[in-house]
Amino acid sequence: MATNPSIITRNVAELAIKAGGNTYEAVAIISKRARQIALKSKEELNNKLSDFASSVDNLEEIFENREQIEISKFYERLPKPTSLAIDEFLEDKFTFTLPSQDESAE
């Protein structure tokens, strides 16, 4: 992951240019992609943690499972889905279709 995990200032005009000059379209596109990334990440985490699921609620067992804790910490340290989506948007790593002007007028 080459994305910077911290918050950085973005040039809104640059985002708008890639979305046909419309800032709101850019935000909508980025938010849809961020949701896709978040869902994929959540599914991966749940699949990995499902191996550790137990039917017994034993406190000793919960505190001793270091591998599960390490997996969770790894996912917590990943860049946020919005940051990934913005970087992908700026680097043209996914395609999107803007609605035509005729469709939006109807």
C-alpha atoms as a PDB file:
ATOM      1  CA  MET A   1       0.000   0.000   0.000  1.00  0.00           C
ATOM      2  CA  ALA A   2       1.662   3.147  -1.237  1.00  0.00           C
ATOM      3  CA  THR A   3      -1.075   5.381   0.125  1.00  0.00           C
ATOM      4  CA  ASN A   4      -0.189   7.807   2.875  1.00  0.00           C
ATOM      5  CA  PRO A   5      -2.143   6.684   5.984  1.00  0.00           C
ATOM      6  CA  SER A   6      -2.324  10.212   7.404  1.00  0.00           C
ATOM      7  CA  ILE A   7      -4.684  12.979   6.437  1.00  0.00           C
ATOM      8  CA  ILE A   8      -3.370  15.291   3.724  1.00  0.00           C
ATOM      9  CA  THR A   9      -4.768  18.347   2.000  1.00  0.00           C
ATOM     10  CA  ARG A  10      -6.253  17.680  -1.433  1.00  0.00           C
ATOM     11  CA  ASN A  11      -6.702  20.050  -4.354  1.00  0.00           C
ATOM     12  CA  VAL A  12     -10.466  20.076  -4.936  1.00  0.00           C
ATOM     13  CA  ALA A  13     -10.056  21.655  -8.369  1.00  0.00           C
ATOM     14  CA  GLU A  14      -7.894  18.724  -9.480  1.00  0.00           C
ATOM     15  CA  LEU A  15     -10.574  16.290  -8.327  1.00  0.00           C
ATOM     16  CA  ALA A  16     -13.280  18.246 -10.125  1.00  0.00           C
ATOM     17  CA  ILE A  17     -11.359  18.316 -13.411  1.00  0.00           C
ATOM     18  CA  LYS A  18     -11.241  14.513 -13.501  1.00  0.00           C
ATOM     19  CA  ALA A  19     -15.028  14.423 -13.036  1.00  0.00           C
ATOM     20  CA  GLY A  20     -15.898  16.781 -15.864  1.00  0.00           C
ATOM     21  CA  GLY A  21     -15.465  19.942 -13.807  1.00  0.00           C
ATOM     22  CA  ASN A  22     -18.045  18.975 -11.197  1.00  0.00           C
ATOM     23  CA  THR A  23     -16.814  18.684  -7.605  1.00  0.00           C
ATOM     24  CA  TYR A  24     -19.973  16.906  -6.455  1.00  0.00           C
ATOM     25  CA  GLU A  25     -19.607  14.240  -9.157  1.00  0.00           C
ATOM     26  CA  ALA A  26     -16.010  13.680  -8.026  1.00  0.00           C
ATOM     27  CA  VAL A  27     -17.103  13.259  -4.411  1.00  0.00           C
ATOM     28  CA  ALA A  28     -19.872  10.848  -5.427  1.00  0.00           C
ATOM     29  CA  ILE A  29     -17.474   8.759  -7.532  1.00  0.00           C
ATOM     30  CA  ILE A  30     -14.850   8.649  -4.795  1.00  0.00           C
ATOM     31  CA  SER A  31     -17.407   7.758  -2.117  1.00  0.00           C
ATOM     32  CA  LYS A  32     -18.770   4.861  -4.178  1.00  0.00           C
ATOM     33  CA  ARG A  33     -15.269   3.505  -4.702  1.00  0.00           C
ATOM     34  CA  ALA A  34     -14.434   3.966  -0.997  1.00  0.00           C
ATOM     35  CA  ARG A  35     -17.515   1.915  -0.070  1.00  0.00           C
ATOM     36  CA  GLN A  36     -16.388  -0.861  -2.424  1.00  0.00           C
ATOM     37  CA  ILE A  37     -12.920  -0.881  -0.860  1.00  0.00           C
ATOM     38  CA  ALA A  38     -14.361  -0.869   2.674  1.00  0.00           C
ATOM     39  CA  LEU A  39     -16.680  -3.784   1.926  1.00  0.00           C
ATOM     40  CA  LYS A  40     -13.868  -5.819   0.393  1.00  0.00           C
ATOM     41  CA  SER A  41     -11.606  -5.136   3.372  1.00  0.00           C
ATOM     42  CA  LYS A  42     -14.362  -5.994   5.849  1.00  0.00           C
ATOM     43  CA  GLU A  43     -15.083  -9.281   4.051  1.00  0.00           C
ATOM     44  CA  GLU A  44     -11.382 -10.207   4.106  1.00  0.00           C
ATOM     45  CA  LEU A  45     -11.118  -9.433   7.819  1.00  0.00           C
ATOM     46  CA  ASN A  46     -14.276 -11.364   8.662  1.00  0.00           C
ATOM     47  CA  ASN A  47     -13.054 -14.371   6.660  1.00  0.00           C
ATOM     48  CA  LYS A  48      -9.726 -14.372   8.486  1.00  0.00           C
ATOM     49  CA  LEU A  49     -11.336 -13.917  11.904  1.00  0.00           C
ATOM     50  CA  SER A  50     -13.976 -16.585  11.269  1.00  0.00           C
ATOM     51  CA  ASP A  51     -11.238 -19.200  11.743  1.00  0.00           C
ATOM     52  CA  PHE A  52     -10.980 -18.068  15.357  1.00  0.00           C
ATOM     53  CA  ALA A  53     -14.704 -18.134  16.111  1.00  0.00           C
ATOM     54  CA  SER A  54     -15.592 -20.300  19.053  1.00  0.00           C
ATOM     55  CA  SER A  55     -18.863 -21.267  20.603  1.00  0.00           C
ATOM     56  CA  VAL A  56     -17.443 -20.984  24.124  1.00  0.00           C
ATOM     57  CA  ASP A  57     -17.247 -17.562  25.736  1.00  0.00           C
ATOM     58  CA  ASN A  58     -14.153 -18.070  27.829  1.00  0.00           C
ATOM     59  CA  LEU A  59     -12.234 -14.936  28.852  1.00  0.00           C
ATOM     60  CA  GLU A  60      -8.924 -16.781  29.106  1.00  0.00           C
ATOM     61  CA  GLU A  61      -9.274 -17.968  25.520  1.00  0.00           C
ATOM     62  CA  ILE A  62     -10.018 -14.449  24.276  1.00  0.00           C
ATOM     63  CA  PHE A  63      -6.945 -12.879  25.860  1.00  0.00           C
ATOM     64  CA  GLU A  64      -4.576 -15.632  24.746  1.00  0.00           C
ATOM     65  CA  ASN A  65      -5.334 -15.490  21.031  1.00  0.00           C
ATOM     66  CA  ARG A  66      -2.440 -13.303  19.842  1.00  0.00           C
ATOM     67  CA  GLU A  67      -2.780 -14.217  16.167  1.00  0.00           C
ATOM     68  CA  GLN A  68      -6.318 -12.861  16.056  1.00  0.00           C
ATOM     69  CA  ILE A  69      -5.170  -9.660  17.737  1.00  0.00           C
ATOM     70  CA  GLU A  70      -2.320  -9.230  15.231  1.00  0.00           C
ATOM     71  CA  ILE A  71      -4.704  -9.677  12.281  1.00  0.00           C
ATOM     72  CA  SER A  72      -7.024  -7.041  13.730  1.00  0.00           C
ATOM     73  CA  LYS A  73      -4.145  -4.621  14.337  1.00  0.00           C
ATOM     74  CA  PHE A  74      -2.926  -5.111  10.760  1.00  0.00           C
ATOM     75  CA  TYR A  75      -6.323  -4.082   9.376  1.00  0.00           C
ATOM     76  CA  GLU A  76      -6.507  -1.117  11.748  1.00  0.00           C
ATOM     77  CA  ARG A  77      -3.172   0.197  10.410  1.00  0.00           C
ATOM     78  CA  LEU A  78      -4.255   0.037   6.757  1.00  0.00           C
ATOM     79  CA  PRO A  79      -4.977   3.344   5.016  1.00  0.00           C
ATOM     80  CA  LYS A  80      -8.583   4.437   5.182  1.00  0.00           C
ATOM     81  CA  PRO A  81     -10.801   3.442   2.234  1.00  0.00           C
ATOM     82  CA  THR A  82     -11.425   7.095   1.377  1.00  0.00           C
ATOM     83  CA  SER A  83      -7.692   7.788   1.072  1.00  0.00           C
ATOM     84  CA  LEU A  84      -7.258   4.757  -1.151  1.00  0.00           C
ATOM     85  CA  ALA A  85     -10.235   5.781  -3.299  1.00  0.00           C
ATOM     86  CA  ILE A  86      -8.920   9.329  -3.751  1.00  0.00           C
ATOM     87  CA  ASP A  87      -5.500   8.056  -4.777  1.00  0.00           C
ATOM     88  CA  GLU A  88      -7.042   5.572  -7.214  1.00  0.00           C
ATOM     89  CA  PHE A  89      -9.248   8.346  -8.640  1.00  0.00           C
ATOM     90  CA  LEU A  90      -6.312  10.696  -9.163  1.00  0.00           C
ATOM     91  CA  GLU A  91      -4.181   7.942 -10.720  1.00  0.00           C
ATOM     92  CA  ASP A  92      -7.003   6.727 -13.031  1.00  0.00           C
ATOM     93  CA  LYS A  93      -6.906   3.221 -11.564  1.00  0.00           C
ATOM     94  CA  PHE A  94     -10.634   2.615 -12.088  1.00  0.00           C
ATOM     95  CA  THR A  95     -13.180   3.638 -14.673  1.00  0.00           C
ATOM     96  CA  PHE A  96     -16.454   5.448 -14.165  1.00  0.00           C
ATOM     97  CA  THR A  97     -19.166   6.835 -16.381  1.00  0.00           C
ATOM     98  CA  LEU A  98     -20.568  10.288 -15.886  1.00  0.00           C
ATOM     99  CA  PRO A  99     -24.258  10.755 -16.647  1.00  0.00           C
ATOM    100  CA  SER A 100     -24.830  12.653 -19.849  1.00  0.00           C
ATOM    101  CA  GLN A 101     -26.323  16.142 -19.708  1.00  0.00           C
ATOM    102  CA  ASP A 102     -29.503  14.899 -21.464  1.00  0.00           C
ATOM    103  CA  GLU A 103     -30.135  12.287 -18.766  1.00  0.00           C
ATOM    104  CA  SER A 104     -29.631  14.696 -15.888  1.00  0.00           C
ATOM    105  CA  ALA A 105     -32.062  17.244 -17.351  1.00  0.00           C
ATOM    106  CA  GLU A 106     -34.936  14.748 -17.399  1.00  0.00           C
END
